[in-house]
Amino acid sequence: MPRVLVIDDDASLRYTLEAVLSDAGLLVETAETGAKALAAFEARGADVVLTDLAMPEMDGMQVLERLR
């Protein structure tokens, strides 16, 4: 089953994406910061990463650069 990592500092959006993607049969992990997302990816990996671009401390592009 594909694993999706959702990264967003907005809790309601994270929850909504998690619910929709889980209902579609995907394994979903969420993170509210770039640092937590990097740790989750390092620990469990992901087939798809959905990230907010505008986040405090580390924006979505910085997260994606580090994941590459």
C-alpha atoms as a PDB file:
ATOM      1  CA  MET A   1       0.000   0.000   0.000  1.00  0.00           C
ATOM      2  CA  PRO A   2       1.439   3.423  -0.927  1.00  0.00           C
ATOM      3  CA  ARG A   3       2.628   5.601   1.947  1.00  0.00           C
ATOM      4  CA  VAL A   4       1.887   9.345   1.855  1.00  0.00           C
ATOM      5  CA  LEU A   5       3.578  11.967   4.012  1.00  0.00           C
ATOM      6  CA  VAL A   6       1.456  15.113   4.482  1.00  0.00           C
ATOM      7  CA  ILE A   7       3.310  18.162   5.803  1.00  0.00           C
ATOM      8  CA  ASP A   8       1.341  21.239   6.822  1.00  0.00           C
ATOM      9  CA  ASP A   9       1.351  23.605   9.787  1.00  0.00           C
ATOM     10  CA  ASP A  10      -2.454  23.983   9.532  1.00  0.00           C
ATOM     11  CA  ALA A  11      -3.937  21.228  11.711  1.00  0.00           C
ATOM     12  CA  SER A  12      -7.374  21.280  10.054  1.00  0.00           C
ATOM     13  CA  LEU A  13      -5.882  20.860   6.583  1.00  0.00           C
ATOM     14  CA  ARG A  14      -3.623  18.023   7.801  1.00  0.00           C
ATOM     15  CA  TYR A  15      -6.620  16.278   9.335  1.00  0.00           C
ATOM     16  CA  THR A  16      -8.729  16.700   6.181  1.00  0.00           C
ATOM     17  CA  LEU A  17      -6.000  15.404   3.871  1.00  0.00           C
ATOM     18  CA  GLU A  18      -5.319  12.489   6.182  1.00  0.00           C
ATOM     19  CA  ALA A  19      -9.012  11.540   6.229  1.00  0.00           C
ATOM     20  CA  VAL A  20      -9.480  11.792   2.451  1.00  0.00           C
ATOM     21  CA  LEU A  21      -6.294   9.921   1.598  1.00  0.00           C
ATOM     22  CA  SER A  22      -6.914   7.229   4.228  1.00  0.00           C
ATOM     23  CA  ASP A  23     -10.431   6.712   2.874  1.00  0.00           C
ATOM     24  CA  ALA A  24      -8.820   6.205  -0.545  1.00  0.00           C
ATOM     25  CA  GLY A  25      -6.833   3.304   0.909  1.00  0.00           C
ATOM     26  CA  LEU A  26      -3.472   5.000   1.394  1.00  0.00           C
ATOM     27  CA  LEU A  27      -1.240   4.835   4.456  1.00  0.00           C
ATOM     28  CA  VAL A  28      -0.931   8.428   5.671  1.00  0.00           C
ATOM     29  CA  GLU A  29       1.520   9.996   8.078  1.00  0.00           C
ATOM     30  CA  THR A  30       1.350  13.672   8.945  1.00  0.00           C
ATOM     31  CA  ALA A  31       3.846  16.204  10.221  1.00  0.00           C
ATOM     32  CA  GLU A  32       3.310  19.804  11.301  1.00  0.00           C
ATOM     33  CA  THR A  33       6.879  20.998  10.755  1.00  0.00           C
ATOM     34  CA  GLY A  34       9.638  20.400   8.263  1.00  0.00           C
ATOM     35  CA  ALA A  35      11.888  18.967  10.957  1.00  0.00           C
ATOM     36  CA  LYS A  36       9.258  16.431  12.042  1.00  0.00           C
ATOM     37  CA  ALA A  37       8.627  15.533   8.394  1.00  0.00           C
ATOM     38  CA  LEU A  38      12.315  14.857   7.796  1.00  0.00           C
ATOM     39  CA  ALA A  39      12.456  12.627  10.875  1.00  0.00           C
ATOM     40  CA  ALA A  40       9.345  10.712   9.775  1.00  0.00           C
ATOM     41  CA  PHE A  41      10.711  10.259   6.260  1.00  0.00           C
ATOM     42  CA  GLU A  42      14.046   9.057   7.612  1.00  0.00           C
ATOM     43  CA  ALA A  43      12.301   6.544   9.890  1.00  0.00           C
ATOM     44  CA  ARG A  44       9.616   5.187   7.559  1.00  0.00           C
ATOM     45  CA  GLY A  45      10.009   6.672   4.078  1.00  0.00           C
ATOM     46  CA  ALA A  46       7.134   7.705   1.808  1.00  0.00           C
ATOM     47  CA  ASP A  47       6.054   7.075  -1.757  1.00  0.00           C
ATOM     48  CA  VAL A  48       4.426  10.506  -2.050  1.00  0.00           C
ATOM     49  CA  VAL A  49       5.065  13.749  -0.170  1.00  0.00           C
ATOM     50  CA  LEU A  50       2.446  16.520  -0.052  1.00  0.00           C
ATOM     51  CA  THR A  51       3.753  19.683   1.549  1.00  0.00           C
ATOM     52  CA  ASP A  52       2.640  23.189   2.316  1.00  0.00           C
ATOM     53  CA  LEU A  53       5.068  25.659   0.772  1.00  0.00           C
ATOM     54  CA  ALA A  54       4.643  28.436   3.347  1.00  0.00           C
ATOM     55  CA  MET A  55       5.586  27.145   6.800  1.00  0.00           C
ATOM     56  CA  PRO A  56       7.600  28.741   9.591  1.00  0.00           C
ATOM     57  CA  GLU A  57      11.209  27.684  10.251  1.00  0.00           C
ATOM     58  CA  MET A  58      11.544  25.467   7.155  1.00  0.00           C
ATOM     59  CA  ASP A  59       9.339  25.982   4.097  1.00  0.00           C
ATOM     60  CA  GLY A  60       8.100  23.214   1.829  1.00  0.00           C
ATOM     61  CA  MET A  61      10.766  23.748  -0.831  1.00  0.00           C
ATOM     62  CA  GLN A  62      13.510  23.406   1.788  1.00  0.00           C
ATOM     63  CA  VAL A  63      11.920  20.163   2.992  1.00  0.00           C
ATOM     64  CA  LEU A  64      11.763  18.788  -0.546  1.00  0.00           C
ATOM     65  CA  GLU A  65      15.385  19.762  -1.228  1.00  0.00           C
ATOM     66  CA  ARG A  66      16.496  17.865   1.859  1.00  0.00           C
ATOM     67  CA  LEU A  67      14.389  14.834   0.957  1.00  0.00           C
ATOM     68  CA  ARG A  68      15.915  14.655  -2.510  1.00  0.00           C
END
